[in-house]
Amino acid sequence: MTEKHIAEDFVFPLWRCINADFKSKYRADSWGIFENFLKSSAYCENLKIFLDKFMRLIPIEWQHKFEKQILGVIESGEDDSVLTALRTECAYIVLLTRVLNEEHKEKFAA
């Protein structure tokens, strides 16, 4: 699975599900905190454990529209490639996610 696919189908939906109060409270460094939590949670055996660890670190409010995407990645059987990318290319994946987030904002601002 490519870094772009991970960003689009897994990390961006996770970002969109983070509690708005958390993003507001840590506005200045919310992306840095997000990146650190992604990377530290990726040191595990599979994506189910990753998600459990990640949700213990950061408040998530599930949005139904993202569940299929997130579950699709978790159930893809590509745990090793996704976790390795999150460990080694986390900054790049978060950068791609930030771009996706800006595009999302622009689409709804227009």
Protein backbone atom coordinates (compact mmCIF):
# COMPACT_ATOMS: atom_id res chain seq x y z
CA MET A 1 0.00 0.00 0.00
CA THR A 2 1.42 3.38 -0.99
CA GLU A 3 1.90 6.32 1.35
CA LYS A 4 -0.69 8.26 -0.67
CA HIS A 5 -3.25 5.48 -0.24
CA ILE A 6 -2.49 5.29 3.50
CA ALA A 7 -2.96 9.06 3.81
CA GLU A 8 -6.20 9.12 1.80
CA ASP A 9 -7.92 6.04 3.16
CA PHE A 10 -6.60 5.77 6.70
CA VAL A 11 -4.80 8.79 8.16
CA PHE A 12 -7.03 11.53 6.72
CA PRO A 13 -10.20 9.82 8.02
CA LEU A 14 -8.54 9.41 11.43
CA TRP A 15 -7.67 13.13 11.44
CA ARG A 16 -11.25 14.07 10.56
CA CYS A 17 -12.51 11.93 13.47
CA ILE A 18 -10.35 13.63 16.11
CA ASN A 19 -12.39 15.55 18.65
CA ALA A 20 -12.75 19.23 17.66
CA ASP A 21 -12.03 20.36 21.24
CA PHE A 22 -8.66 18.59 21.08
CA LYS A 23 -7.79 20.31 17.80
CA SER A 24 -8.84 23.66 19.25
CA LYS A 25 -7.01 23.20 22.55
CA TYR A 26 -3.75 22.18 20.85
CA ARG A 27 -4.20 24.32 17.73
CA ALA A 28 -0.57 25.40 17.52
CA ASP A 29 0.81 21.85 17.54
CA SER A 30 -2.13 19.57 16.78
CA TRP A 31 -0.47 18.23 13.62
CA GLY A 32 2.79 17.53 15.46
CA ILE A 33 0.96 15.74 18.25
CA PHE A 34 -1.03 13.78 15.68
CA GLU A 35 2.16 12.72 13.88
CA ASN A 36 3.85 11.65 17.12
CA PHE A 37 0.83 9.62 18.23
CA LEU A 38 0.56 7.94 14.82
CA LYS A 39 4.21 6.98 14.83
CA SER A 40 4.30 5.75 18.42
CA SER A 41 1.10 3.75 17.94
CA ALA A 42 2.57 2.06 14.85
CA TYR A 43 5.03 0.03 16.94
CA CYS A 44 2.77 -3.00 17.29
CA GLU A 45 1.87 -6.24 15.52
CA ASN A 46 -1.27 -5.30 13.59
CA LEU A 47 -3.62 -2.46 12.66
CA LYS A 48 -6.28 -3.45 15.19
CA ILE A 49 -3.78 -2.98 18.00
CA PHE A 50 -2.56 0.23 16.33
CA LEU A 51 -6.08 1.66 16.35
CA ASP A 52 -6.60 0.69 19.99
CA LYS A 53 -3.31 2.34 21.02
CA PHE A 54 -4.03 5.45 18.94
CA MET A 55 -7.50 5.87 20.42
CA ARG A 56 -6.04 5.72 23.93
CA LEU A 57 -3.75 8.64 23.09
CA ILE A 58 -6.13 10.97 21.29
CA PRO A 59 -9.90 11.56 21.57
CA ILE A 60 -11.78 10.14 18.59
CA GLU A 61 -15.39 10.81 17.63
CA TRP A 62 -16.32 8.23 15.00
CA GLN A 63 -17.93 9.60 11.89
CA HIS A 64 -19.94 7.02 10.02
CA LYS A 65 -18.83 8.37 6.63
CA PHE A 66 -15.21 7.33 7.38
CA GLU A 67 -15.82 3.91 8.95
CA LYS A 68 -15.69 1.96 5.67
CA GLN A 69 -12.40 3.59 4.66
CA ILE A 70 -10.74 2.96 8.01
CA LEU A 71 -12.05 -0.60 8.28
CA GLY A 72 -11.04 -1.25 4.67
CA VAL A 73 -7.43 -0.53 5.50
CA ILE A 74 -7.54 -2.44 8.79
CA GLU A 75 -9.04 -5.49 7.07
CA SER A 76 -6.86 -5.23 3.94
CA GLY A 77 -4.27 -7.70 5.23
CA GLU A 78 -1.53 -5.14 4.61
CA ASP A 79 -0.77 -4.52 8.28
CA ASP A 80 3.00 -4.83 7.86
CA SER A 81 3.28 -2.38 4.97
CA VAL A 82 0.97 0.19 6.59
CA LEU A 83 2.66 -0.03 9.99
CA THR A 84 6.13 0.13 8.43
CA ALA A 85 5.14 3.22 6.44
CA LEU A 86 3.71 4.86 9.56
CA ARG A 87 6.98 4.17 11.40
CA THR A 88 9.36 5.25 8.65
CA GLU A 89 7.43 7.73 6.48
CA CYS A 90 5.10 9.28 9.05
CA ALA A 91 6.11 12.89 8.35
CA TYR A 92 5.43 12.43 4.63
CA ILE A 93 2.08 10.71 5.26
CA VAL A 94 1.02 13.51 7.62
CA LEU A 95 2.08 16.08 5.00
CA LEU A 96 -0.13 14.33 2.42
CA THR A 97 -2.93 14.31 4.99
CA ARG A 98 -2.52 18.04 5.62
CA VAL A 99 -2.83 18.68 1.88
CA LEU A 100 -5.98 16.55 1.76
CA ASN A 101 -7.37 18.46 4.73
CA GLU A 102 -6.72 21.83 3.06
CA GLU A 103 -8.38 20.61 -0.14
CA HIS A 104 -11.36 19.46 1.93
CA LYS A 105 -11.61 22.87 3.62
CA GLU A 106 -11.38 24.72 0.30
CA LYS A 107 -14.06 22.52 -1.23
CA PHE A 108 -16.51 23.36 1.54
CA ALA A 109 -15.53 27.05 1.74
CA ALA A 110 -16.39 27.60 -1.92
